[in-house]
């Protein structure tokens, strides 16, 4: 597994479901945007702390360096991101 250095996190984006409605037309460009939610797979030496492996976090748009990681139990590599600690906007609680 990949261990991030410094104030960085290894995360995997979680796809969020598109809202279903009959009253609002959602443009196709919305579907192309990456999910803001991610699960934390690895944690470096964080300055602020408060984020642990397994947490669900909310990320800023268009952040992170993409990497291919072979996760335990998987046969193929998974697309993940290495993000700076400051790119995490919030940690979801009670999830």
N, C-alpha and C. Protein backbone atom coordinates (compact mmCIF):
# COMPACT_ATOMS: atom_id res chain seq x y z
N UNK A 1 0.85 -1.18 0.00
CA UNK A 1 0.00 0.00 0.00
C UNK A 1 0.89 1.24 0.00
N UNK A 2 0.37 2.29 -0.55
CA UNK A 2 1.09 3.55 -0.68
C UNK A 2 0.91 4.39 0.58
N UNK A 3 2.00 4.87 1.17
CA UNK A 3 1.94 5.70 2.38
C UNK A 3 2.32 7.13 2.00
N UNK A 4 1.38 8.10 2.14
CA UNK A 4 1.70 9.48 1.78
C UNK A 4 2.71 10.11 2.75
N UNK A 5 3.55 11.01 2.22
CA UNK A 5 4.51 11.75 3.03
C UNK A 5 3.96 13.11 3.39
N UNK A 6 4.44 13.65 4.49
CA UNK A 6 4.07 15.00 4.89
C UNK A 6 2.59 15.14 5.18
N UNK A 7 2.08 16.34 4.96
CA UNK A 7 0.67 16.66 5.25
C UNK A 7 -0.21 16.28 4.07
N UNK A 8 -0.20 14.99 3.73
CA UNK A 8 -0.97 14.50 2.59
C UNK A 8 -1.80 13.29 2.98
N UNK A 9 -2.84 13.03 2.18
CA UNK A 9 -3.73 11.90 2.39
C UNK A 9 -3.86 11.11 1.10
N UNK A 10 -4.03 9.81 1.22
CA UNK A 10 -4.36 8.96 0.08
C UNK A 10 -5.86 8.70 0.18
N UNK A 11 -6.61 9.08 -0.85
CA UNK A 11 -8.06 8.95 -0.81
C UNK A 11 -8.58 8.30 -2.09
N UNK A 12 -9.77 7.73 -1.98
CA UNK A 12 -10.46 7.17 -3.14
C UNK A 12 -11.83 7.83 -3.19
N UNK A 13 -12.12 8.44 -4.33
CA UNK A 13 -13.42 9.12 -4.47
C UNK A 13 -14.57 8.12 -4.37
N UNK A 14 -15.65 8.58 -3.77
CA UNK A 14 -16.87 7.79 -3.63
C UNK A 14 -17.90 8.41 -4.56
N UNK A 15 -18.42 7.62 -5.46
CA UNK A 15 -19.43 8.14 -6.39
C UNK A 15 -20.72 8.42 -5.63
N UNK A 16 -21.27 9.58 -5.87
CA UNK A 16 -22.55 9.93 -5.25
C UNK A 16 -23.64 9.83 -6.30
N UNK A 17 -24.80 9.41 -5.87
CA UNK A 17 -25.92 9.23 -6.78
C UNK A 17 -26.46 10.57 -7.26
N UNK A 18 -26.86 10.61 -8.54
CA UNK A 18 -27.49 11.81 -9.08
C UNK A 18 -28.89 11.93 -8.48
N UNK A 19 -29.29 13.13 -8.10
CA UNK A 19 -30.64 13.29 -7.58
C UNK A 19 -31.68 13.00 -8.66
N UNK A 20 -32.73 12.31 -8.27
CA UNK A 20 -33.81 12.00 -9.20
C UNK A 20 -34.94 12.99 -8.98
N UNK A 21 -35.32 13.68 -10.03
CA UNK A 21 -36.38 14.66 -9.94
C UNK A 21 -37.06 14.80 -11.29
N UNK A 22 -38.29 15.21 -11.26
CA UNK A 22 -39.02 15.45 -12.49
C UNK A 22 -39.17 16.94 -12.74
N UNK A 23 -38.73 17.75 -11.81
CA UNK A 23 -38.96 19.19 -11.90
C UNK A 23 -37.72 19.99 -12.29
N UNK A 24 -36.56 19.40 -12.16
CA UNK A 24 -35.32 20.12 -12.45
C UNK A 24 -34.58 19.37 -13.56
N UNK A 25 -34.13 20.11 -14.56
CA UNK A 25 -33.32 19.52 -15.63
C UNK A 25 -31.86 19.72 -15.24
N UNK A 26 -31.14 18.62 -15.10
CA UNK A 26 -29.74 18.68 -14.71
C UNK A 26 -28.88 18.58 -15.96
N UNK A 27 -28.06 19.61 -16.24
CA UNK A 27 -27.25 19.58 -17.45
C UNK A 27 -26.23 18.44 -17.42
N UNK A 28 -25.81 18.00 -18.60
CA UNK A 28 -24.85 16.90 -18.71
C UNK A 28 -23.52 17.24 -18.07
N UNK A 29 -23.14 18.52 -18.02
CA UNK A 29 -21.86 18.90 -17.45
C UNK A 29 -21.80 18.58 -15.97
N UNK A 30 -22.92 18.55 -15.29
CA UNK A 30 -22.94 18.21 -13.87
C UNK A 30 -22.52 16.76 -13.69
N UNK A 31 -22.93 15.89 -14.59
CA UNK A 31 -22.60 14.47 -14.49
C UNK A 31 -21.10 14.23 -14.66
N UNK A 32 -20.40 15.11 -15.35
CA UNK A 32 -18.98 14.92 -15.62
C UNK A 32 -18.11 15.32 -14.43
N UNK A 33 -18.64 16.08 -13.49
CA UNK A 33 -17.87 16.54 -12.35
C UNK A 33 -17.63 15.39 -11.38
N UNK A 34 -16.42 15.30 -10.85
CA UNK A 34 -16.08 14.25 -9.90
C UNK A 34 -16.80 14.48 -8.58
N UNK A 35 -17.02 13.40 -7.86
CA UNK A 35 -17.65 13.47 -6.56
C UNK A 35 -16.76 14.24 -5.59
N UNK A 36 -17.36 14.97 -4.68
CA UNK A 36 -16.62 15.71 -3.67
C UNK A 36 -16.28 14.83 -2.47
N UNK A 37 -16.91 13.64 -2.40
CA UNK A 37 -16.72 12.76 -1.25
C UNK A 37 -15.65 11.71 -1.55
N UNK A 38 -14.85 11.39 -0.52
CA UNK A 38 -13.80 10.40 -0.68
C UNK A 38 -13.58 9.67 0.65
N UNK A 39 -13.09 8.45 0.55
CA UNK A 39 -12.73 7.69 1.75
C UNK A 39 -11.21 7.74 1.90
N UNK A 40 -10.75 7.92 3.12
CA UNK A 40 -9.32 8.04 3.40
C UNK A 40 -8.72 6.64 3.51
N UNK A 41 -7.69 6.38 2.70
CA UNK A 41 -7.01 5.09 2.69
C UNK A 41 -5.65 5.13 3.38
N UNK A 42 -5.05 6.31 3.45
CA UNK A 42 -3.74 6.46 4.07
C UNK A 42 -3.55 7.89 4.54
N UNK A 43 -2.79 8.06 5.61
CA UNK A 43 -2.57 9.38 6.20
C UNK A 43 -1.08 9.58 6.43
N UNK A 44 -0.57 10.72 6.00
CA UNK A 44 0.82 11.08 6.28
C UNK A 44 0.91 11.74 7.64
N UNK A 45 1.93 12.57 7.83
CA UNK A 45 2.11 13.31 9.08
C UNK A 45 1.36 14.63 8.95
N UNK A 46 0.13 14.65 9.44
CA UNK A 46 -0.72 15.83 9.29
C UNK A 46 -0.38 16.89 10.32
N UNK A 47 -0.49 18.15 9.93
CA UNK A 47 -0.23 19.27 10.84
C UNK A 47 -1.44 19.55 11.72
N UNK A 48 -2.64 19.46 11.12
CA UNK A 48 -3.85 19.79 11.86
C UNK A 48 -4.47 18.57 12.51
N UNK A 49 -4.28 17.39 11.92
CA UNK A 49 -4.85 16.16 12.47
C UNK A 49 -6.35 16.10 12.25
N UNK A 50 -7.01 15.20 12.96
CA UNK A 50 -8.46 15.10 12.87
C UNK A 50 -8.96 14.22 11.74
N UNK A 51 -8.06 13.65 10.96
CA UNK A 51 -8.45 12.77 9.86
C UNK A 51 -7.75 11.43 10.06
N UNK A 52 -8.53 10.35 9.99
CA UNK A 52 -7.98 9.01 10.17
C UNK A 52 -8.36 8.12 8.99
N UNK A 53 -7.65 7.02 8.84
CA UNK A 53 -7.97 6.05 7.81
C UNK A 53 -9.40 5.55 8.03
N UNK A 54 -10.18 5.50 6.95
CA UNK A 54 -11.57 5.06 7.02
C UNK A 54 -12.57 6.20 7.10
N UNK A 55 -12.10 7.42 7.37
CA UNK A 55 -13.00 8.58 7.42
C UNK A 55 -13.51 8.92 6.03
N UNK A 56 -14.71 9.46 5.97
CA UNK A 56 -15.26 10.01 4.73
C UNK A 56 -15.03 11.52 4.79
N UNK A 57 -14.40 12.07 3.75
CA UNK A 57 -14.08 13.50 3.73
C UNK A 57 -14.71 14.18 2.52
N UNK A 58 -14.83 15.49 2.61
CA UNK A 58 -15.30 16.31 1.51
C UNK A 58 -14.09 17.06 0.97
N UNK A 59 -13.84 16.92 -0.34
CA UNK A 59 -12.67 17.53 -0.97
C UNK A 59 -13.05 18.76 -1.77
N UNK A 60 -12.08 19.65 -1.94
CA UNK A 60 -12.26 20.78 -2.85
C UNK A 60 -12.32 20.22 -4.27
N UNK A 61 -12.85 21.01 -5.20
CA UNK A 61 -12.92 20.60 -6.60
C UNK A 61 -11.53 20.60 -7.23
N UNK A 62 -11.30 19.66 -8.13
CA UNK A 62 -10.10 19.60 -8.97
C UNK A 62 -8.81 19.58 -8.17
N UNK A 63 -8.73 18.69 -7.18
CA UNK A 63 -7.51 18.59 -6.37
C UNK A 63 -6.93 17.19 -6.49
N UNK A 64 -5.70 17.07 -6.10
CA UNK A 64 -5.06 15.77 -5.98
C UNK A 64 -4.26 15.34 -7.17
N UNK A 65 -3.30 14.47 -6.88
CA UNK A 65 -2.48 13.84 -7.90
C UNK A 65 -2.98 12.41 -8.07
N UNK A 66 -3.45 12.04 -9.27
CA UNK A 66 -3.97 10.69 -9.47
C UNK A 66 -2.87 9.64 -9.42
N UNK A 67 -3.15 8.52 -8.76
CA UNK A 67 -2.23 7.39 -8.70
C UNK A 67 -3.04 6.10 -8.81
N UNK A 68 -2.40 5.07 -9.33
CA UNK A 68 -3.01 3.74 -9.41
C UNK A 68 -2.45 2.92 -8.25
N UNK A 69 -3.35 2.39 -7.41
CA UNK A 69 -2.93 1.66 -6.20
C UNK A 69 -3.60 0.29 -6.19
N UNK A 70 -2.83 -0.72 -5.85
CA UNK A 70 -3.38 -2.07 -5.67
C UNK A 70 -3.81 -2.18 -4.21
N UNK A 71 -5.12 -2.16 -3.98
CA UNK A 71 -5.66 -2.22 -2.63
C UNK A 71 -5.74 -3.67 -2.17
N UNK A 72 -5.61 -3.90 -0.86
CA UNK A 72 -5.70 -5.27 -0.34
C UNK A 72 -7.04 -5.91 -0.72
N UNK A 73 -6.98 -7.13 -1.25
CA UNK A 73 -8.18 -7.85 -1.63
C UNK A 73 -8.62 -7.61 -3.06
N UNK A 74 -8.03 -6.64 -3.75
CA UNK A 74 -8.37 -6.35 -5.14
C UNK A 74 -7.37 -7.02 -6.07
N UNK A 75 -7.85 -7.35 -7.26
CA UNK A 75 -6.97 -7.95 -8.26
C UNK A 75 -6.43 -6.92 -9.24
N UNK A 76 -7.14 -5.79 -9.36
CA UNK A 76 -6.71 -4.73 -10.28
C UNK A 76 -6.43 -3.45 -9.49
N UNK A 77 -5.59 -2.61 -10.08
CA UNK A 77 -5.27 -1.33 -9.43
C UNK A 77 -6.49 -0.42 -9.47
N UNK A 78 -6.59 0.43 -8.46
CA UNK A 78 -7.71 1.35 -8.30
C UNK A 78 -7.22 2.78 -8.43
N UNK A 79 -8.01 3.62 -9.09
CA UNK A 79 -7.68 5.04 -9.23
C UNK A 79 -7.89 5.74 -7.89
N UNK A 80 -6.83 6.31 -7.34
CA UNK A 80 -6.89 7.04 -6.08
C UNK A 80 -6.25 8.41 -6.27
N UNK A 81 -6.28 9.22 -5.23
CA UNK A 81 -5.68 10.54 -5.28
C UNK A 81 -4.80 10.76 -4.05
N UNK A 82 -3.72 11.49 -4.24
CA UNK A 82 -2.96 12.00 -3.11
C UNK A 82 -3.29 13.48 -3.03
N UNK A 83 -3.86 13.88 -1.89
CA UNK A 83 -4.30 15.27 -1.72
C UNK A 83 -3.59 15.89 -0.52
N UNK A 84 -3.44 17.21 -0.56
CA UNK A 84 -2.89 17.94 0.57
C UNK A 84 -3.93 18.02 1.68
N UNK A 85 -3.45 18.10 2.89
CA UNK A 85 -4.34 18.21 4.05
C UNK A 85 -5.28 19.41 3.91
N UNK A 86 -4.81 20.50 3.34
CA UNK A 86 -5.62 21.71 3.20
C UNK A 86 -6.71 21.56 2.14
N UNK A 87 -6.66 20.52 1.31
CA UNK A 87 -7.69 20.29 0.29
C UNK A 87 -8.93 19.60 0.87
N UNK A 88 -8.84 19.17 2.12
CA UNK A 88 -9.98 18.54 2.79
C UNK A 88 -10.80 19.64 3.46
N UNK A 89 -12.06 19.76 3.02
CA UNK A 89 -12.93 20.80 3.55
C UNK A 89 -13.62 20.37 4.84
N UNK A 90 -13.96 19.08 4.95
CA UNK A 90 -14.70 18.60 6.12
C UNK A 90 -14.54 17.09 6.25
N UNK A 91 -14.75 16.61 7.47
CA UNK A 91 -14.79 15.18 7.75
C UNK A 91 -16.23 14.86 8.14
N UNK A 92 -16.80 13.86 7.47
CA UNK A 92 -18.17 13.45 7.77
C UNK A 92 -18.19 12.69 9.09
N UNK A 93 -19.14 13.03 9.95
CA UNK A 93 -19.27 12.34 11.23
C UNK A 93 -20.54 11.50 11.23
N UNK A 94 -20.49 10.38 11.89
CA UNK A 94 -21.66 9.53 12.01
C UNK A 94 -22.00 8.76 10.74
N UNK A 95 -21.00 8.56 9.88
CA UNK A 95 -21.23 7.83 8.64
C UNK A 95 -20.70 6.43 8.78
